[in-house]
Amino acid sequence: MGEREKIFSEDLLTLFNMLRNKNIHIPVIFIACAVFFFVVSFWIPTVEFEASQISPRFFPQMLLSTIVLLNILLIFQSRKKKEGRLSTKEPVHAHTIRFFGTITAVILFVILFNWVGAYFAIFLFMLGFLFIWEVRNPLTLILTPFLTSLGVYLVFHKLLEVRLPKGIFGSFL
């Protein structure tokens, strides 16, 4: 067997060993679906735009590329970890509290979205979500909601020119 065939067979063996790891089945399925929809997105009709506008294909392709990238990162992380188990340091009721706390935060977010405005609702949701998941670093508690709201503003308001609800704070925006 030549050097090239030996390298190929070792790579193939590594791939098969990775697929035996149960933690990567779901990310591989997500990657396959995202690649499929990325290819399908080329059939989205486009019209002539000004140079400053983006194609209707841009946002779906950006999201699908992000899905692929994040799932590749998940695969690499799962290779480093052994078979995961629930943490024995935390009681099971802590997981239940987090679960229902997250559900409550999502419901409040949906209710507040139009009333207080999208950007402030996103800020409050992220702040509540981090608090529920016991993040206590003050810098993280302020920067993460602020940067998330800013990112949503830049993508939707500036890039895609989609106007989200301004709510009672509309006069400030």
N, C-alpha and C. Protein backbone atom coordinates (compact mmCIF):
# COMPACT_ATOMS: atom_id res chain seq x y z
N MET A 1 0.86 -1.17 0.00
CA MET A 1 0.00 0.00 0.00
C MET A 1 0.91 1.23 0.00
N GLY A 2 0.59 2.17 -0.90
CA GLY A 2 1.38 3.38 -1.01
C GLY A 2 1.11 4.34 0.15
N GLU A 3 1.95 5.36 0.23
CA GLU A 3 1.84 6.35 1.31
C GLU A 3 0.50 7.08 1.25
N ARG A 4 0.08 7.42 0.03
CA ARG A 4 -1.18 8.15 -0.14
C ARG A 4 -2.37 7.31 0.31
N GLU A 5 -2.40 6.04 -0.06
CA GLU A 5 -3.49 5.16 0.34
C GLU A 5 -3.49 4.94 1.85
N LYS A 6 -2.30 4.87 2.45
CA LYS A 6 -2.20 4.67 3.89
C LYS A 6 -2.77 5.88 4.64
N ILE A 7 -2.44 7.08 4.18
CA ILE A 7 -2.97 8.30 4.81
C ILE A 7 -4.49 8.35 4.66
N PHE A 8 -4.98 8.00 3.44
CA PHE A 8 -6.43 8.00 3.21
C PHE A 8 -7.13 7.00 4.10
N SER A 9 -6.58 5.81 4.25
CA SER A 9 -7.22 4.79 5.08
C SER A 9 -7.19 5.19 6.57
N GLU A 10 -6.11 5.86 7.01
CA GLU A 10 -6.07 6.34 8.39
C GLU A 10 -7.12 7.43 8.61
N ASP A 11 -7.27 8.34 7.65
CA ASP A 11 -8.29 9.38 7.76
C ASP A 11 -9.69 8.78 7.77
N LEU A 12 -9.90 7.78 6.94
CA LEU A 12 -11.21 7.12 6.89
C LEU A 12 -11.49 6.40 8.21
N LEU A 13 -10.48 5.76 8.77
CA LEU A 13 -10.64 5.08 10.05
C LEU A 13 -10.94 6.09 11.16
N THR A 14 -10.28 7.24 11.14
CA THR A 14 -10.56 8.30 12.11
C THR A 14 -12.00 8.78 11.99
N LEU A 15 -12.49 8.94 10.75
CA LEU A 15 -13.86 9.37 10.52
C LEU A 15 -14.85 8.33 11.07
N PHE A 16 -14.60 7.06 10.81
CA PHE A 16 -15.50 6.02 11.32
C PHE A 16 -15.48 5.97 12.85
N ASN A 17 -14.32 6.16 13.46
CA ASN A 17 -14.25 6.20 14.93
C ASN A 17 -15.01 7.39 15.49
N MET A 18 -14.94 8.53 14.79
CA MET A 18 -15.71 9.70 15.22
C MET A 18 -17.21 9.42 15.15
N LEU A 19 -17.65 8.74 14.10
CA LEU A 19 -19.08 8.47 13.94
C LEU A 19 -19.60 7.48 14.98
N ARG A 20 -18.71 6.70 15.60
CA ARG A 20 -19.13 5.82 16.68
C ARG A 20 -19.46 6.60 17.94
N ASN A 21 -18.90 7.80 18.06
CA ASN A 21 -19.18 8.68 19.20
C ASN A 21 -20.62 9.19 19.05
N LYS A 22 -21.48 8.86 19.98
CA LYS A 22 -22.89 9.21 19.88
C LYS A 22 -23.14 10.70 19.99
N ASN A 23 -22.20 11.46 20.53
CA ASN A 23 -22.39 12.89 20.70
C ASN A 23 -22.31 13.67 19.41
N ILE A 24 -21.88 13.05 18.32
CA ILE A 24 -21.77 13.82 17.08
C ILE A 24 -22.82 13.47 16.04
N HIS A 25 -23.71 12.54 16.34
CA HIS A 25 -24.73 12.19 15.35
C HIS A 25 -25.63 13.37 15.02
N ILE A 26 -26.12 14.06 16.02
CA ILE A 26 -27.03 15.18 15.80
C ILE A 26 -26.32 16.32 15.07
N PRO A 27 -25.10 16.74 15.48
CA PRO A 27 -24.43 17.79 14.71
C PRO A 27 -24.20 17.42 13.24
N VAL A 28 -23.89 16.16 12.98
CA VAL A 28 -23.68 15.74 11.59
C VAL A 28 -24.98 15.86 10.80
N ILE A 29 -26.11 15.49 11.42
CA ILE A 29 -27.41 15.63 10.76
C ILE A 29 -27.71 17.10 10.50
N PHE A 30 -27.44 17.97 11.48
CA PHE A 30 -27.66 19.41 11.29
C PHE A 30 -26.79 19.96 10.16
N ILE A 31 -25.54 19.52 10.10
CA ILE A 31 -24.65 19.98 9.04
C ILE A 31 -25.18 19.54 7.68
N ALA A 32 -25.60 18.29 7.57
CA ALA A 32 -26.13 17.79 6.30
C ALA A 32 -27.37 18.57 5.87
N CYS A 33 -28.28 18.82 6.81
CA CYS A 33 -29.49 19.60 6.49
C CYS A 33 -29.14 21.02 6.09
N ALA A 34 -28.22 21.64 6.81
CA ALA A 34 -27.83 23.02 6.51
C ALA A 34 -27.18 23.12 5.14
N VAL A 35 -26.34 22.16 4.80
CA VAL A 35 -25.71 22.17 3.47
C VAL A 35 -26.78 21.99 2.39
N PHE A 36 -27.73 21.08 2.63
CA PHE A 36 -28.81 20.89 1.67
C PHE A 36 -29.59 22.19 1.45
N PHE A 37 -30.01 22.84 2.54
CA PHE A 37 -30.78 24.08 2.42
C PHE A 37 -29.94 25.23 1.86
N PHE A 38 -28.64 25.21 2.11
CA PHE A 38 -27.76 26.22 1.52
C PHE A 38 -27.77 26.10 0.00
N VAL A 39 -27.68 24.87 -0.49
CA VAL A 39 -27.73 24.65 -1.94
C VAL A 39 -29.11 25.05 -2.48
N VAL A 40 -30.16 24.69 -1.77
CA VAL A 40 -31.52 25.04 -2.20
C VAL A 40 -31.72 26.56 -2.21
N SER A 41 -31.03 27.27 -1.33
CA SER A 41 -31.22 28.73 -1.25
C SER A 41 -30.77 29.45 -2.51
N PHE A 42 -30.00 28.80 -3.36
CA PHE A 42 -29.61 29.43 -4.62
C PHE A 42 -30.79 29.55 -5.58
N TRP A 43 -31.88 28.87 -5.30
CA TRP A 43 -33.08 28.98 -6.13
C TRP A 43 -34.01 30.10 -5.65
N ILE A 44 -33.64 30.80 -4.61
CA ILE A 44 -34.44 31.95 -4.17
C ILE A 44 -34.32 33.03 -5.24
N PRO A 45 -35.45 33.48 -5.77
CA PRO A 45 -35.38 34.47 -6.86
C PRO A 45 -34.81 35.80 -6.37
N THR A 46 -34.04 36.42 -7.21
CA THR A 46 -33.49 37.73 -6.89
C THR A 46 -33.86 38.71 -7.99
N VAL A 47 -33.87 39.94 -7.63
CA VAL A 47 -34.13 41.00 -8.60
C VAL A 47 -32.93 41.93 -8.58
N GLU A 48 -32.88 42.82 -9.54
CA GLU A 48 -31.78 43.78 -9.59
C GLU A 48 -31.87 44.72 -8.40
N PHE A 49 -30.76 44.87 -7.69
CA PHE A 49 -30.71 45.73 -6.52
C PHE A 49 -29.70 46.83 -6.75
N GLU A 50 -29.84 47.85 -5.93
CA GLU A 50 -28.80 48.86 -5.89
C GLU A 50 -27.57 48.24 -5.26
N ALA A 51 -26.43 48.87 -5.42
CA ALA A 51 -25.18 48.32 -4.89
C ALA A 51 -25.21 48.20 -3.37
N SER A 52 -25.98 49.05 -2.68
CA SER A 52 -25.99 49.03 -1.22
C SER A 52 -26.91 47.97 -0.63
N GLN A 53 -27.78 47.39 -1.43
CA GLN A 53 -28.72 46.40 -0.91
C GLN A 53 -28.16 44.99 -1.08
N ILE A 54 -28.64 44.09 -0.24
CA ILE A 54 -28.18 42.70 -0.30
C ILE A 54 -29.27 41.84 -0.90
N SER A 55 -28.88 40.70 -1.37
CA SER A 55 -29.79 39.76 -2.01
C SER A 55 -30.67 39.08 -0.97
N PRO A 56 -31.88 38.63 -1.35
CA PRO A 56 -32.72 37.87 -0.42
C PRO A 56 -32.08 36.56 0.02
N ARG A 57 -31.09 36.10 -0.71
CA ARG A 57 -30.39 34.86 -0.35
C ARG A 57 -29.45 35.06 0.83
N PHE A 58 -29.04 36.29 1.07
CA PHE A 58 -27.96 36.54 2.03
C PHE A 58 -28.29 36.03 3.42
N PHE A 59 -29.44 36.39 3.96
CA PHE A 59 -29.74 36.05 5.35
C PHE A 59 -29.88 34.54 5.55
N PRO A 60 -30.62 33.81 4.71
CA PRO A 60 -30.66 32.35 4.91
C PRO A 60 -29.28 31.71 4.78
N GLN A 61 -28.49 32.17 3.82
CA GLN A 61 -27.16 31.59 3.65
C GLN A 61 -26.25 31.92 4.82
N MET A 62 -26.40 33.12 5.39
CA MET A 62 -25.60 33.49 6.56
C MET A 62 -25.99 32.60 7.75
N LEU A 63 -27.29 32.40 7.97
CA LEU A 63 -27.73 31.55 9.08
C LEU A 63 -27.28 30.11 8.90
N LEU A 64 -27.41 29.59 7.69
CA LEU A 64 -27.01 28.21 7.43
C LEU A 64 -25.50 28.03 7.59
N SER A 65 -24.73 29.00 7.17
CA SER A 65 -23.27 28.93 7.36
C SER A 65 -22.93 28.95 8.84
N THR A 66 -23.64 29.75 9.61
CA THR A 66 -23.42 29.80 11.05
C THR A 66 -23.78 28.47 11.70
N ILE A 67 -24.86 27.84 11.24
CA ILE A 67 -25.26 26.53 11.77
C ILE A 67 -24.16 25.50 11.51
N VAL A 68 -23.61 25.51 10.31
CA VAL A 68 -22.54 24.56 9.99
C VAL A 68 -21.32 24.82 10.86
N LEU A 69 -20.92 26.08 10.98
CA LEU A 69 -19.74 26.43 11.78
C LEU A 69 -19.92 26.02 13.24
N LEU A 70 -21.07 26.33 13.83
CA LEU A 70 -21.29 26.00 15.24
C LEU A 70 -21.35 24.49 15.47
N ASN A 71 -21.90 23.76 14.52
CA ASN A 71 -21.96 22.30 14.67
C ASN A 71 -20.59 21.67 14.49
N ILE A 72 -19.74 22.25 13.66
CA ILE A 72 -18.36 21.76 13.55
C ILE A 72 -17.64 21.98 14.88
N LEU A 73 -17.85 23.15 15.48
CA LEU A 73 -17.26 23.41 16.80
C LEU A 73 -17.78 22.42 17.84
N LEU A 74 -19.07 22.10 17.77
CA LEU A 74 -19.65 21.14 18.70
C LEU A 74 -19.02 19.75 18.54
N ILE A 75 -18.75 19.37 17.30
CA ILE A 75 -18.10 18.08 17.05
C ILE A 75 -16.71 18.06 17.67
N PHE A 76 -15.95 19.14 17.48
CA PHE A 76 -14.60 19.18 18.06
C PHE A 76 -14.65 19.17 19.59
N GLN A 77 -15.63 19.85 20.17
CA GLN A 77 -15.77 19.83 21.62
C GLN A 77 -16.14 18.44 22.12
N SER A 78 -17.01 17.74 21.40
CA SER A 78 -17.44 16.42 21.85
C SER A 78 -16.31 15.40 21.72
N ARG A 79 -15.37 15.65 20.82
CA ARG A 79 -14.23 14.74 20.71
C ARG A 79 -13.32 14.87 21.93
N LYS A 80 -13.29 16.07 22.52
CA LYS A 80 -12.42 16.29 23.67
C LYS A 80 -13.02 15.74 24.95
N LYS A 81 -14.35 15.70 25.02
CA LYS A 81 -15.03 15.23 26.22
C LYS A 81 -15.31 13.75 26.11
N LYS A 82 -15.38 13.12 27.25
CA LYS A 82 -15.82 11.73 27.28
C LYS A 82 -17.34 11.73 27.29
N GLU A 83 -17.93 10.56 27.27
CA GLU A 83 -19.39 10.46 27.30
C GLU A 83 -19.93 11.30 28.44
N GLY A 84 -20.80 12.25 28.09
CA GLY A 84 -21.32 13.19 29.08
C GLY A 84 -22.41 12.58 29.95
N ARG A 85 -22.40 12.97 31.19
CA ARG A 85 -23.44 12.59 32.13
C ARG A 85 -23.89 13.85 32.83
N LEU A 86 -25.06 13.78 33.42
CA LEU A 86 -25.51 14.92 34.21
C LEU A 86 -24.55 15.14 35.37
N SER A 87 -24.33 16.39 35.66
CA SER A 87 -23.44 16.74 36.76
C SER A 87 -24.01 16.22 38.07
N THR A 88 -23.17 15.54 38.85
CA THR A 88 -23.64 15.04 40.14
C THR A 88 -23.51 16.11 41.21
N LYS A 89 -22.89 17.22 40.88
CA LYS A 89 -22.72 18.29 41.84
C LYS A 89 -24.03 19.04 42.07
N GLU A 90 -24.89 19.08 41.05
CA GLU A 90 -26.15 19.81 41.15
C GLU A 90 -27.29 18.82 41.30
N PRO A 91 -28.23 19.11 42.17
CA PRO A 91 -29.41 18.24 42.26
C PRO A 91 -30.28 18.39 41.02
N VAL A 92 -31.08 17.38 40.76
CA VAL A 92 -31.92 17.38 39.56
C VAL A 92 -32.91 18.54 39.58
N HIS A 93 -33.39 18.94 40.75
CA HIS A 93 -34.37 20.03 40.81
C HIS A 93 -33.77 21.35 40.31
N ALA A 94 -32.45 21.51 40.37
CA ALA A 94 -31.82 22.73 39.84
C ALA A 94 -32.00 22.80 38.32
N HIS A 95 -31.92 21.66 37.66
CA HIS A 95 -32.14 21.61 36.21
C HIS A 95 -33.60 21.94 35.88
N THR A 96 -34.51 21.46 36.71
CA THR A 96 -35.93 21.73 36.50
C THR A 96 -36.22 23.22 36.68
N ILE A 97 -35.61 23.83 37.68
CA ILE A 97 -35.81 25.26 37.92
C ILE A 97 -35.28 26.06 36.74
N ARG A 98 -34.12 25.69 36.23
CA ARG A 98 -33.57 26.38 35.06
C ARG A 98 -34.47 26.21 33.85
N PHE A 99 -34.98 25.00 33.65
CA PHE A 99 -35.84 24.73 32.50
C PHE A 99 -37.08 25.61 32.55
N PHE A 100 -37.80 25.59 33.67
CA PHE A 100 -39.02 26.37 33.77
C PHE A 100 -38.73 27.88 33.84
N GLY A 101 -37.60 28.25 34.39
CA GLY A 101 -37.19 29.65 34.37
C GLY A 101 -36.95 30.15 32.95
N THR A 102 -36.32 29.31 32.14
CA THR A 102 -36.08 29.68 30.74
C THR A 102 -37.39 29.79 29.98
N ILE A 103 -38.31 28.85 30.20
CA ILE A 103 -39.62 28.90 29.54
C ILE A 103 -40.35 30.19 29.95
N THR A 104 -40.31 30.54 31.23
CA THR A 104 -40.95 31.76 31.71
C THR A 104 -40.32 32.99 31.07
N ALA A 105 -39.00 33.01 30.95
CA ALA A 105 -38.31 34.14 30.31
C ALA A 105 -38.72 34.29 28.86
N VAL A 106 -38.88 33.18 28.15
CA VAL A 106 -39.31 33.24 26.75
C VAL A 106 -40.73 33.79 26.65
N ILE A 107 -41.62 33.35 27.53
CA ILE A 107 -43.01 33.84 27.51
C ILE A 107 -43.04 35.34 27.81
N LEU A 108 -42.28 35.77 28.81
CA LEU A 108 -42.22 37.20 29.11
C LEU A 108 -41.63 37.99 27.95
N PHE A 109 -40.64 37.44 27.28
CA PHE A 109 -40.04 38.09 26.12
C PHE A 109 -41.09 38.31 25.03
N VAL A 110 -41.88 37.29 24.76
CA VAL A 110 -42.91 37.40 23.72
C VAL A 110 -43.94 38.46 24.11
N ILE A 111 -44.31 38.51 25.36
CA ILE A 111 -45.28 39.50 25.83
C ILE A 111 -44.71 40.92 25.74
N LEU A 112 -43.46 41.09 26.15
CA LEU A 112 -42.85 42.42 26.19
C LEU A 112 -42.34 42.92 24.85
N PHE A 113 -42.20 42.03 23.88
CA PHE A 113 -41.58 42.39 22.59
C PHE A 113 -42.23 43.61 21.95
N ASN A 114 -43.53 43.63 21.82
CA ASN A 114 -44.21 44.77 21.21
C ASN A 114 -44.43 45.92 22.20
N TRP A 115 -44.61 45.58 23.46
CA TRP A 115 -44.95 46.60 24.44
C TRP A 115 -43.77 47.52 24.78
N VAL A 116 -42.62 46.93 25.15
CA VAL A 116 -41.47 47.77 25.51
C VAL A 116 -40.51 47.97 24.34
N GLY A 117 -40.73 47.25 23.26
CA GLY A 117 -39.86 47.36 22.09
C GLY A 117 -38.92 46.17 21.98
N ALA A 118 -38.55 45.88 20.76
CA ALA A 118 -37.76 44.68 20.49
C ALA A 118 -36.39 44.73 21.17
N TYR A 119 -35.68 45.83 21.04
CA TYR A 119 -34.31 45.89 21.53
C TYR A 119 -34.24 45.84 23.06
N PHE A 120 -35.15 46.55 23.72
CA PHE A 120 -35.17 46.51 25.18
C PHE A 120 -35.65 45.14 25.67
N ALA A 121 -36.60 44.53 24.97
CA ALA A 121 -37.07 43.19 25.34
C ALA A 121 -35.94 42.17 25.19
N ILE A 122 -35.14 42.31 24.14
CA ILE A 122 -34.00 41.40 23.94
C ILE A 122 -33.00 41.59 25.07
N PHE A 123 -32.74 42.84 25.44
CA PHE A 123 -31.83 43.13 26.54
C PHE A 123 -32.32 42.47 27.83
N LEU A 124 -33.61 42.66 28.15
CA LEU A 124 -34.18 42.09 29.37
C LEU A 124 -34.16 40.56 29.34
N PHE A 125 -34.49 39.98 28.18
CA PHE A 125 -34.49 38.53 28.04
C PHE A 125 -33.10 37.97 28.29
N MET A 126 -32.09 38.56 27.65
CA MET A 126 -30.73 38.06 27.83
C MET A 126 -30.27 38.21 29.28
N LEU A 127 -30.60 39.32 29.89
CA LEU A 127 -30.24 39.54 31.28
C LEU A 127 -30.91 38.50 32.18
N GLY A 128 -32.20 38.26 31.98
CA GLY A 128 -32.92 37.25 32.75
C GLY A 128 -32.40 35.85 32.49
N PHE A 129 -32.11 35.55 31.24
CA PHE A 129 -31.59 34.23 30.88
C PHE A 129 -30.25 33.97 31.57
N LEU A 130 -29.36 34.94 31.53
CA LEU A 130 -28.06 34.78 32.20
C LEU A 130 -28.23 34.63 33.71
N PHE A 131 -29.17 35.38 34.27
CA PHE A 131 -29.42 35.29 35.71
C PHE A 131 -29.97 33.92 36.08
N ILE A 132 -30.91 33.41 35.28
CA ILE A 132 -31.49 32.07 35.52
C ILE A 132 -30.40 31.00 35.47
N TRP A 133 -29.47 31.14 34.55
CA TRP A 133 -28.40 30.15 34.40
C TRP A 133 -27.20 30.46 35.30
N GLU A 134 -27.45 31.32 36.30
CA GLU A 134 -26.50 31.59 37.39
C GLU A 134 -25.18 32.19 36.93
N VAL A 135 -25.23 33.03 35.91
CA VAL A 135 -24.06 33.81 35.53
C VAL A 135 -24.06 35.03 36.44
N ARG A 136 -23.00 35.24 37.19
CA ARG A 136 -22.98 36.32 38.17
C ARG A 136 -21.88 37.35 37.91
N ASN A 137 -21.11 37.18 36.87
CA ASN A 137 -20.06 38.14 36.54
C ASN A 137 -20.73 39.43 36.05
N PRO A 138 -20.54 40.56 36.75
CA PRO A 138 -21.24 41.80 36.37
C PRO A 138 -20.93 42.27 34.94
N LEU A 139 -19.69 42.09 34.52
CA LEU A 139 -19.32 42.50 33.16
C LEU A 139 -20.08 41.67 32.12
N THR A 140 -20.19 40.38 32.35
CA THR A 140 -20.93 39.50 31.44
C THR A 140 -22.42 39.83 31.47
N LEU A 141 -22.94 40.11 32.67
CA LEU A 141 -24.37 40.43 32.81
C LEU A 141 -24.76 41.72 32.08
N ILE A 142 -23.84 42.63 31.89
CA ILE A 142 -24.14 43.88 31.19
C ILE A 142 -23.76 43.79 29.71
N LEU A 143 -22.56 43.29 29.42
CA LEU A 143 -22.08 43.29 28.03
C LEU A 143 -22.85 42.33 27.13
N THR A 144 -23.17 41.14 27.61
CA THR A 144 -23.85 40.17 26.75
C THR A 144 -25.22 40.67 26.29
N PRO A 145 -26.11 41.13 27.17
CA PRO A 145 -27.39 41.66 26.69
C PRO A 145 -27.22 42.89 25.79
N PHE A 146 -26.28 43.76 26.15
CA PHE A 146 -26.06 44.97 25.34
C PHE A 146 -25.56 44.62 23.95
N LEU A 147 -24.55 43.75 23.86
CA LEU A 147 -24.00 43.39 22.56
C LEU A 147 -24.99 42.58 21.72
N THR A 148 -25.81 41.76 22.38
CA THR A 148 -26.84 41.01 21.65
C THR A 148 -27.87 41.98 21.05
N SER A 149 -28.33 42.93 21.85
CA SER A 149 -29.29 43.93 21.36
C SER A 149 -28.68 44.76 20.24
N LEU A 150 -27.43 45.15 20.41
CA LEU A 150 -26.75 45.93 19.38
C LEU A 150 -26.59 45.12 18.09
N GLY A 151 -26.25 43.84 18.22
CA GLY A 151 -26.12 42.98 17.05
C GLY A 151 -27.43 42.82 16.30
N VAL A 152 -28.52 42.63 17.06
CA VAL A 152 -29.84 42.51 16.42
C VAL A 152 -30.20 43.82 15.73
N TYR A 153 -29.90 44.95 16.37
CA TYR A 153 -30.18 46.25 15.76
C TYR A 153 -29.39 46.42 14.45
N LEU A 154 -28.11 46.10 14.49
CA LEU A 154 -27.29 46.28 13.29
C LEU A 154 -27.72 45.37 12.15
N VAL A 155 -28.03 44.12 12.47
CA VAL A 155 -28.43 43.18 11.42
C VAL A 155 -29.80 43.54 10.86
N PHE A 156 -30.79 43.72 11.73
CA PHE A 156 -32.15 43.92 11.23
C PHE A 156 -32.42 45.35 10.80
N HIS A 157 -31.99 46.32 11.57
CA HIS A 157 -32.33 47.71 11.26
C HIS A 157 -31.43 48.28 10.17
N LYS A 158 -30.14 48.06 10.28
CA LYS A 158 -29.19 48.66 9.34
C LYS A 158 -28.97 47.80 8.10
N LEU A 159 -28.68 46.52 8.29
CA LEU A 159 -28.32 45.66 7.17
C LEU A 159 -29.53 45.20 6.36
N LEU A 160 -30.53 44.65 7.04
CA LEU A 160 -31.71 44.12 6.34
C LEU A 160 -32.83 45.13 6.19
N GLU A 161 -32.72 46.27 6.88
CA GLU A 161 -33.72 47.33 6.84
C GLU A 161 -35.11 46.84 7.24
N VAL A 162 -35.14 46.00 8.27
CA VAL A 162 -36.38 45.50 8.84
C VAL A 162 -36.63 46.29 10.12
N ARG A 163 -37.79 46.89 10.21
CA ARG A 163 -38.12 47.69 11.38
C ARG A 163 -38.80 46.82 12.42
N LEU A 164 -38.17 46.70 13.58
CA LEU A 164 -38.74 45.95 14.69
C LEU A 164 -39.52 46.91 15.58
N PRO A 165 -40.47 46.38 16.36
CA PRO A 165 -41.28 47.26 17.22
C PRO A 165 -40.43 48.09 18.16
N LYS A 166 -40.79 49.38 18.27
CA LYS A 166 -40.05 50.29 19.15
C LYS A 166 -40.69 50.39 20.52
N GLY A 167 -41.95 50.06 20.65
CA GLY A 167 -42.62 50.04 21.94
C GLY A 167 -42.68 51.41 22.59
N ILE A 168 -42.77 51.42 23.90
CA ILE A 168 -42.91 52.69 24.64
C ILE A 168 -41.62 53.51 24.61
N PHE A 169 -40.51 52.89 24.23
CA PHE A 169 -39.24 53.61 24.15
C PHE A 169 -38.93 54.04 22.72
N GLY A 170 -39.92 54.08 21.88
CA GLY A 170 -39.75 54.43 20.46
C GLY A 170 -39.19 55.82 20.23
N SER A 171 -39.48 56.76 21.11
CA SER A 171 -39.00 58.13 20.90
C SER A 171 -37.49 58.23 21.12
N PHE A 172 -36.88 57.23 21.80
CA PHE A 172 -35.43 57.27 22.05
C PHE A 172 -34.62 56.71 20.89
N LEU A 173 -35.26 55.96 19.99
CA LEU A 173 -34.52 55.32 18.89
C LEU A 173 -34.57 56.13 17.64
